PDB file of N, CA and C in Angstrom:
ATOM      1  N   MET A   1     111.031 103.624  71.352  1.00  0.00           N
ATOM      2  CA  MET A   1     111.809 104.801  71.659  1.00  0.00           C
ATOM      3  C   MET A   1     112.848 104.994  70.558  1.00  0.00           C
ATOM      4  N   ASN A   2     113.179 106.218  70.297  1.00  0.00           N
ATOM      5  CA  ASN A   2     114.128 106.559  69.258  1.00  0.00           C
ATOM      6  C   ASN A   2     115.521 106.061  69.644  1.00  0.00           C
ATOM      7  N   GLN A   3     116.131 105.241  68.784  1.00  0.00           N
ATOM      8  CA  GLN A   3     117.430 104.646  69.082  1.00  0.00           C
ATOM      9  C   GLN A   3     118.498 105.709  69.291  1.00  0.00           C
ATOM     10  N   LYS A   4     118.402 106.815  68.571  1.00  0.00           N
ATOM     11  CA  LYS A   4     119.369 107.902  68.722  1.00  0.00           C
ATOM     12  C   LYS A   4     119.353 108.443  70.150  1.00  0.00           C
ATOM     13  N   LEU A   5     118.166 108.571  70.728  1.00  0.00           N
ATOM     14  CA  LEU A   5     118.053 109.073  72.097  1.00  0.00           C
ATOM     15  C   LEU A   5     118.558 108.056  73.113  1.00  0.00           C
ATOM     16  N   VAL A   6     118.336 106.778  72.842  1.00  0.00           N
ATOM     17  CA  VAL A   6     118.825 105.731  73.743  1.00  0.00           C
ATOM     18  C   VAL A   6     120.350 105.723  73.740  1.00  0.00           C
ATOM     19  N   THR A   7     120.943 105.855  72.571  1.00  0.00           N
ATOM     20  CA  THR A   7     122.401 105.886  72.458  1.00  0.00           C
ATOM     21  C   THR A   7     122.962 107.086  73.208  1.00  0.00           C
ATOM     22  N   LYS A   8     122.298 108.213  73.085  1.00  0.00           N
ATOM     23  CA  LYS A   8     122.729 109.430  73.780  1.00  0.00           C
ATOM     24  C   LYS A   8     122.652 109.240  75.295  1.00  0.00           C
ATOM     25  N   LYS A   9     121.572 108.616  75.754  1.00  0.00           N
ATOM     26  CA  LYS A   9     121.405 108.360  77.185  1.00  0.00           C
ATOM     27  C   LYS A   9     122.504 107.428  77.694  1.00  0.00           C
ATOM     28  N   ASN A  10     122.784 106.366  76.944  1.00  0.00           N
ATOM     29  CA  ASN A  10     123.824 105.423  77.352  1.00  0.00           C
ATOM     30  C   ASN A  10     125.198 106.095  77.400  1.00  0.00           C
ATOM     31  N   ARG A  11     125.465 106.983  76.455  1.00  0.00           N
ATOM     32  CA  ARG A  11     126.736 107.707  76.427  1.00  0.00           C
ATOM     33  C   ARG A  11     126.880 108.586  77.673  1.00  0.00           C
ATOM     34  N   LYS A  12     125.807 109.270  78.045  1.00  0.00           N
ATOM     35  CA  LYS A  12     125.844 110.121  79.235  1.00  0.00           C
ATOM     36  C   LYS A  12     126.098 109.301  80.494  1.00  0.00           C
ATOM     37  N   VAL A  13     125.471 108.151  80.586  1.00  0.00           N
ATOM     38  CA  VAL A  13     125.661 107.297  81.759  1.00  0.00           C
ATOM     39  C   VAL A  13     127.093 106.775  81.800  1.00  0.00           C
ATOM     40  N   ARG A  14     127.631 106.404  80.662  1.00  0.00           N
ATOM     41  CA  ARG A  14     129.004 105.919  80.590  1.00  0.00           C
ATOM     42  C   ARG A  14     129.982 107.018  81.046  1.00  0.00           C
ATOM     43  N   GLN A  15     129.761 108.253  80.595  1.00  0.00           N
ATOM     44  CA  GLN A  15     130.604 109.376  81.005  1.00  0.00           C
ATOM     45  C   GLN A  15     130.479 109.638  82.504  1.00  0.00           C
ATOM     46  N   LEU A  16     129.264 109.550  83.027  1.00  0.00           N
ATOM     47  CA  LEU A  16     129.038 109.732  84.457  1.00  0.00           C
ATOM     48  C   LEU A  16     129.828 108.710  85.257  1.00  0.00           C
ATOM     49  N   ARG A  17     129.797 107.463  84.829  1.00  0.00           N
ATOM     50  CA  ARG A  17     130.509 106.399  85.537  1.00  0.00           C
ATOM     51  C   ARG A  17     132.021 106.569  85.459  1.00  0.00           C
ATOM     52  N   GLU A  18     132.507 107.113  84.337  1.00  0.00           N
ATOM     53  CA  GLU A  18     133.945 107.353  84.212  1.00  0.00           C
ATOM     54  C   GLU A  18     134.390 108.496  85.124  1.00  0.00           C
ATOM     55  N   LEU A  19     133.594 109.564  85.192  1.00  0.00           N
ATOM     56  CA  LEU A  19     133.962 110.722  86.002  1.00  0.00           C
ATOM     57  C   LEU A  19     133.758 110.490  87.494  1.00  0.00           C
ATOM     58  N   TYR A  20     132.696 109.776  87.844  1.00  0.00           N
ATOM     59  CA  TYR A  20     132.340 109.540  89.236  1.00  0.00           C
ATOM     60  C   TYR A  20     132.108 108.045  89.468  1.00  0.00           C
ATOM     61  N   PRO A  21     133.194 107.277  89.614  1.00  0.00           N
ATOM     62  CA  PRO A  21     133.028 105.813  89.747  1.00  0.00           C
ATOM     63  C   PRO A  21     132.307 105.390  91.031  1.00  0.00           C
ATOM     64  N   ASP A  22     132.264 106.261  92.033  1.00  0.00           N
ATOM     65  CA  ASP A  22     131.598 105.909  93.292  1.00  0.00           C
ATOM     66  C   ASP A  22     130.085 106.083  93.232  1.00  0.00           C
ATOM     67  N   VAL A  23     129.592 106.755  92.207  1.00  0.00           N
ATOM     68  CA  VAL A  23     128.159 107.011  92.093  1.00  0.00           C
ATOM     69  C   VAL A  23     127.485 105.828  91.399  1.00  0.00           C
ATOM     70  N   ASN A  24     126.455 105.290  92.040  1.00  0.00           N
ATOM     71  CA  ASN A  24     125.675 104.209  91.428  1.00  0.00           C
ATOM     72  C   ASN A  24     124.559 104.825  90.590  1.00  0.00           C
ATOM     73  N   CYS A  25     124.383 104.319  89.403  1.00  0.00           N
ATOM     74  CA  CYS A  25     123.397 104.868  88.487  1.00  0.00           C
ATOM     75  C   CYS A  25     122.642 103.725  87.824  1.00  0.00           C
ATOM     76  N   LYS A  26     121.340 103.807  87.818  1.00  0.00           N
ATOM     77  CA  LYS A  26     120.495 102.804  87.167  1.00  0.00           C
ATOM     78  C   LYS A  26     119.747 103.476  86.031  1.00  0.00           C
ATOM     79  N   VAL A  27     119.835 102.898  84.846  1.00  0.00           N
ATOM     80  CA  VAL A  27     119.182 103.462  83.668  1.00  0.00           C
ATOM     81  C   VAL A  27     117.812 102.816  83.515  1.00  0.00           C
ATOM     82  N   PHE A  28     116.786 103.649  83.383  1.00  0.00           N
ATOM     83  CA  PHE A  28     115.443 103.166  83.113  1.00  0.00           C
ATOM     84  C   PHE A  28     115.036 103.632  81.725  1.00  0.00           C
ATOM     85  N   TYR A  29     114.642 102.691  80.921  1.00  0.00           N
ATOM     86  CA  TYR A  29     114.153 103.010  79.589  1.00  0.00           C
ATOM     87  C   TYR A  29     112.629 103.082  79.638  1.00  0.00           C
ATOM     88  N   GLN A  30     112.032 103.555  78.567  1.00  0.00           N
ATOM     89  CA  GLN A  30     110.574 103.704  78.535  1.00  0.00           C
ATOM     90  C   GLN A  30     109.891 102.360  78.788  1.00  0.00           C
ATOM     91  N   ARG A  31     110.434 101.299  78.214  1.00  0.00           N
ATOM     92  CA  ARG A  31     109.873  99.962  78.396  1.00  0.00           C
ATOM     93  C   ARG A  31     109.861  99.590  79.876  1.00  0.00           C
ATOM     94  N   ASP A  32     110.974  99.863  80.574  1.00  0.00           N
ATOM     95  CA  ASP A  32     111.061  99.546  81.999  1.00  0.00           C
ATOM     96  C   ASP A  32     110.045 100.342  82.805  1.00  0.00           C
ATOM     97  N   TYR A  33     109.929 101.616  82.499  1.00  0.00           N
ATOM     98  CA  TYR A  33     108.978 102.480  83.197  1.00  0.00           C
ATOM     99  C   TYR A  33     107.546 101.971  83.025  1.00  0.00           C
ATOM    100  N   LEU A  34     107.190 101.610  81.796  1.00  0.00           N
ATOM    101  CA  LEU A  34     105.831 101.126  81.541  1.00  0.00           C
ATOM    102  C   LEU A  34     105.562  99.810  82.262  1.00  0.00           C
ATOM    103  N   HIS A  35     106.571  98.946  82.347  1.00  0.00           N
ATOM    104  CA  HIS A  35     106.410  97.704  83.093  1.00  0.00           C
ATOM    105  C   HIS A  35     106.112  97.996  84.560  1.00  0.00           C
ATOM    106  N   LEU A  36     106.815  98.962  85.139  1.00  0.00           N
ATOM    107  CA  LEU A  36     106.577  99.305  86.539  1.00  0.00           C
ATOM    108  C   LEU A  36     105.194  99.915  86.747  1.00  0.00           C
ATOM    109  N   VAL A  37     104.761 100.753  85.822  1.00  0.00           N
ATOM    110  CA  VAL A  37     103.440 101.378  85.922  1.00  0.00           C
ATOM    111  C   VAL A  37     102.357 100.303  85.937  1.00  0.00           C
ATOM    112  N   VAL A  38     102.485  99.324  85.059  1.00  0.00           N
ATOM    113  CA  VAL A  38     101.494  98.244  84.996  1.00  0.00           C
ATOM    114  C   VAL A  38     101.607  97.344  86.226  1.00  0.00           C
ATOM    115  N   LYS A  39     102.835  97.020  86.619  1.00  0.00           N
ATOM    116  CA  LYS A  39     103.052  96.110  87.749  1.00  0.00           C
ATOM    117  C   LYS A  39     102.420  96.642  89.034  1.00  0.00           C
ATOM    118  N   TYR A  40     102.559  97.925  89.289  1.00  0.00           N
ATOM    119  CA  TYR A  40     102.046  98.496  90.525  1.00  0.00           C
ATOM    120  C   TYR A  40     100.656  99.089  90.378  1.00  0.00           C
ATOM    121  N   GLY A  41     100.010  98.841  89.254  1.00  0.00           N
ATOM    122  CA  GLY A  41      98.616  99.201  89.082  1.00  0.00           C
ATOM    123  C   GLY A  41      98.334 100.683  88.977  1.00  0.00           C
ATOM    124  N   LEU A  42      99.308 101.460  88.544  1.00  0.00           N
ATOM    125  CA  LEU A  42      99.074 102.899  88.409  1.00  0.00           C
ATOM    126  C   LEU A  42      98.237 103.218  87.181  1.00  0.00           C
ATOM    127  N   GLU A  43      98.312 102.361  86.166  1.00  0.00           N
ATOM    128  CA  GLU A  43      97.468 102.484  84.974  1.00  0.00           C
ATOM    129  C   GLU A  43      97.172 101.095  84.461  1.00  0.00           C
ATOM    130  N   GLU A  44      96.055 100.979  83.770  1.00  0.00           N
ATOM    131  CA  GLU A  44      95.680  99.708  83.174  1.00  0.00           C
ATOM    132  C   GLU A  44      96.504  99.480  81.904  1.00  0.00           C
ATOM    133  N   PRO A  45      96.841  98.232  81.583  1.00  0.00           N
ATOM    134  CA  PRO A  45      97.616  97.957  80.372  1.00  0.00           C
ATOM    135  C   PRO A  45      96.935  98.448  79.100  1.00  0.00           C
ATOM    136  N   GLU A  46      95.595  98.440  79.047  1.00  0.00           N
ATOM    137  CA  GLU A  46      94.883  98.864  77.848  1.00  0.00           C
ATOM    138  C   GLU A  46      95.099 100.346  77.570  1.00  0.00           C
ATOM    139  N   SER A  47      95.222 101.151  78.628  1.00  0.00           N
ATOM    140  CA  SER A  47      95.376 102.595  78.439  1.00  0.00           C
ATOM    141  C   SER A  47      96.770 102.965  77.958  1.00  0.00           C
ATOM    142  N   LEU A  48      97.708 102.028  77.993  1.00  0.00           N
ATOM    143  CA  LEU A  48      99.084 102.308  77.588  1.00  0.00           C
ATOM    144  C   LEU A  48      99.382 101.868  76.166  1.00  0.00           C
ATOM    145  N   GLU A  49      98.406 101.315  75.462  1.00  0.00           N
ATOM    146  CA  GLU A  49      98.657 100.789  74.124  1.00  0.00           C
ATOM    147  C   GLU A  49      99.102 101.856  73.144  1.00  0.00           C
ATOM    148  N   ASP A  50      98.540 103.056  73.246  1.00  0.00           N
ATOM    149  CA  ASP A  50      98.873 104.092  72.274  1.00  0.00           C
ATOM    150  C   ASP A  50     100.273 104.668  72.478  1.00  0.00           C
ATOM    151  N   VAL A  51     100.894 104.469  73.638  1.00  0.00           N
ATOM    152  CA  VAL A  51     102.248 104.977  73.873  1.00  0.00           C
ATOM    153  C   VAL A  51     103.288 103.873  73.785  1.00  0.00           C
ATOM    154  N   GLY A  52     102.922 102.738  73.284  1.00  0.00           N
ATOM    155  CA  GLY A  52     103.883 101.660  73.134  1.00  0.00           C
ATOM    156  C   GLY A  52     104.072 100.866  74.410  1.00  0.00           C
ATOM    157  N   ALA A  53     102.990 100.318  74.909  1.00  0.00           N
ATOM    158  CA  ALA A  53     103.053  99.516  76.119  1.00  0.00           C
ATOM    159  C   ALA A  53     103.931  98.298  75.879  1.00  0.00           C
ATOM    160  N   PRO A  54     104.443  97.727  76.940  1.00  0.00           N
ATOM    161  CA  PRO A  54     105.299  96.559  76.785  1.00  0.00           C
ATOM    162  C   PRO A  54     104.573  95.432  76.076  1.00  0.00           C
ATOM    163  N   THR A  55     105.300  94.718  75.243  1.00  0.00           N
ATOM    164  CA  THR A  55     104.685  93.628  74.508  1.00  0.00           C
ATOM    165  C   THR A  55     104.480  92.408  75.397  1.00  0.00           C
ATOM    166  N   ARG A  56     105.172  92.348  76.509  1.00  0.00           N
ATOM    167  CA  ARG A  56     105.032  91.240  77.431  1.00  0.00           C
ATOM    168  C   ARG A  56     104.937  91.811  78.832  1.00  0.00           C
ATOM    169  N   MET A  57     103.915  91.438  79.552  1.00  0.00           N
ATOM    170  CA  MET A  57     103.734  91.922  80.908  1.00  0.00           C
ATOM    171  C   MET A  57     104.747  91.238  81.831  1.00  0.00           C
ATOM    172  N   PRO A  58     105.149  91.898  82.897  1.00  0.00           N
ATOM    173  CA  PRO A  58     106.102  91.297  83.828  1.00  0.00           C
ATOM    174  C   PRO A  58     105.536  90.036  84.462  1.00  0.00           C
ATOM    175  N   GLY A  59     106.421  89.173  84.861  1.00  0.00           N
ATOM    176  CA  GLY A  59     106.007  87.936  85.508  1.00  0.00           C
ATOM    177  C   GLY A  59     106.199  86.747  84.597  1.00  0.00           C
ATOM    178  N   ARG A  60     105.738  85.611  85.056  1.00  0.00           N
ATOM    179  CA  ARG A  60     105.883  84.384  84.277  1.00  0.00           C
ATOM    180  C   ARG A  60     105.006  84.428  83.041  1.00  0.00           C
ATOM    181  N   PRO A  61     105.503  83.882  81.936  1.00  0.00           N
ATOM    182  CA  PRO A  61     104.669  83.814  80.740  1.00  0.00           C
ATOM    183  C   PRO A  61     103.524  82.828  80.942  1.00  0.00           C
ATOM    184  N   THR A  62     102.407  83.123  80.332  1.00  0.00           N
ATOM    185  CA  THR A  62     101.237  82.265  80.422  1.00  0.00           C
ATOM    186  C   THR A  62     101.135  81.438  79.153  1.00  0.00           C
ATOM    187  N   ILE A  63     100.966  80.139  79.323  1.00  0.00           N
ATOM    188  CA  ILE A  63     100.826  79.252  78.175  1.00  0.00           C
ATOM    189  C   ILE A  63      99.338  79.080  77.895  1.00  0.00           C
ATOM    190  N   VAL A  64      98.950  79.404  76.670  1.00  0.00           N
ATOM    191  CA  VAL A  64      97.552  79.303  76.269  1.00  0.00           C
ATOM    192  C   VAL A  64      97.457  78.301  75.130  1.00  0.00           C
ATOM    193  N   ARG A  65      96.618  77.306  75.306  1.00  0.00           N
ATOM    194  CA  ARG A  65      96.387  76.341  74.228  1.00  0.00           C
ATOM    195  C   ARG A  65      95.217  76.826  73.404  1.00  0.00           C
ATOM    196  N   LEU A  66      95.417  76.903  72.106  1.00  0.00           N
ATOM    197  CA  LEU A  66      94.367  77.402  71.226  1.00  0.00           C
ATOM    198  C   LEU A  66      93.134  76.512  71.253  1.00  0.00           C
ATOM    199  N   GLU A  67      93.340  75.225  71.470  1.00  0.00           N
ATOM    200  CA  GLU A  67      92.193  74.312  71.506  1.00  0.00           C
ATOM    201  C   GLU A  67      91.284  74.644  72.687  1.00  0.00           C
ATOM    202  N   ASP A  68      91.873  75.099  73.782  1.00  0.00           N
ATOM    203  CA  ASP A  68      91.079  75.434  74.956  1.00  0.00           C
ATOM    204  C   ASP A  68      90.248  76.702  74.755  1.00  0.00           C
ATOM    205  N   ARG A  69      90.682  77.566  73.844  1.00  0.00           N
ATOM    206  CA  ARG A  69      89.979  78.813  73.607  1.00  0.00           C
ATOM    207  C   ARG A  69      88.950  78.682  72.489  1.00  0.00           C
ATOM    208  N   GLY A  70      88.836  77.490  71.901  1.00  0.00           N
ATOM    209  CA  GLY A  70      87.846  77.268  70.871  1.00  0.00           C
ATOM    210  C   GLY A  70      88.281  77.740  69.484  1.00  0.00           C
ATOM    211  N   GLU A  71      89.561  77.992  69.323  1.00  0.00           N
ATOM    212  CA  GLU A  71      90.068  78.431  68.019  1.00  0.00           C
ATOM    213  C   GLU A  71      90.797  77.251  67.371  1.00  0.00           C
ATOM    214  N   ARG A  72      90.807  77.247  66.065  1.00  0.00           N
ATOM    215  CA  ARG A  72      91.492  76.197  65.334  1.00  0.00           C
ATOM    216  C   ARG A  72      92.602  76.800  64.498  1.00  0.00           C
ATOM    217  N   LEU A  73      93.668  76.046  64.386  1.00  0.00           N
ATOM    218  CA  LEU A  73      94.751  76.470  63.510  1.00  0.00           C
ATOM    219  C   LEU A  73      94.436  76.020  62.102  1.00  0.00           C
ATOM    220  N   THR A  74      94.599  76.903  61.151  1.00  0.00           N
ATOM    221  CA  THR A  74      94.387  76.540  59.751  1.00  0.00           C
ATOM    222  C   THR A  74      95.741  76.477  59.088  1.00  0.00           C
ATOM    223  N   GLY A  75      95.972  75.494  58.284  1.00  0.00           N
ATOM    224  CA  GLY A  75      97.295  75.416  57.681  1.00  0.00           C
ATOM    225  C   GLY A  75      97.345  74.536  56.581  1.00  0.00           C
TER     226      GLY A  75
END
């Protein structure tokens, strides 16, 4: 996402909180939205690659040993 737009969004939320301290506001960024879409199965992760799908899916990280997958490290 364009950093300029994120900064603008954060500024608007900050102003909202200053003017209306009783109003609760939660900011969702594109990354957060895509995580929710994948988490609740609304779209497959593969179909989101062209729009910048999250680099890490929600939940615990999975540890993969390269030896178990039949690949070798060259070095």
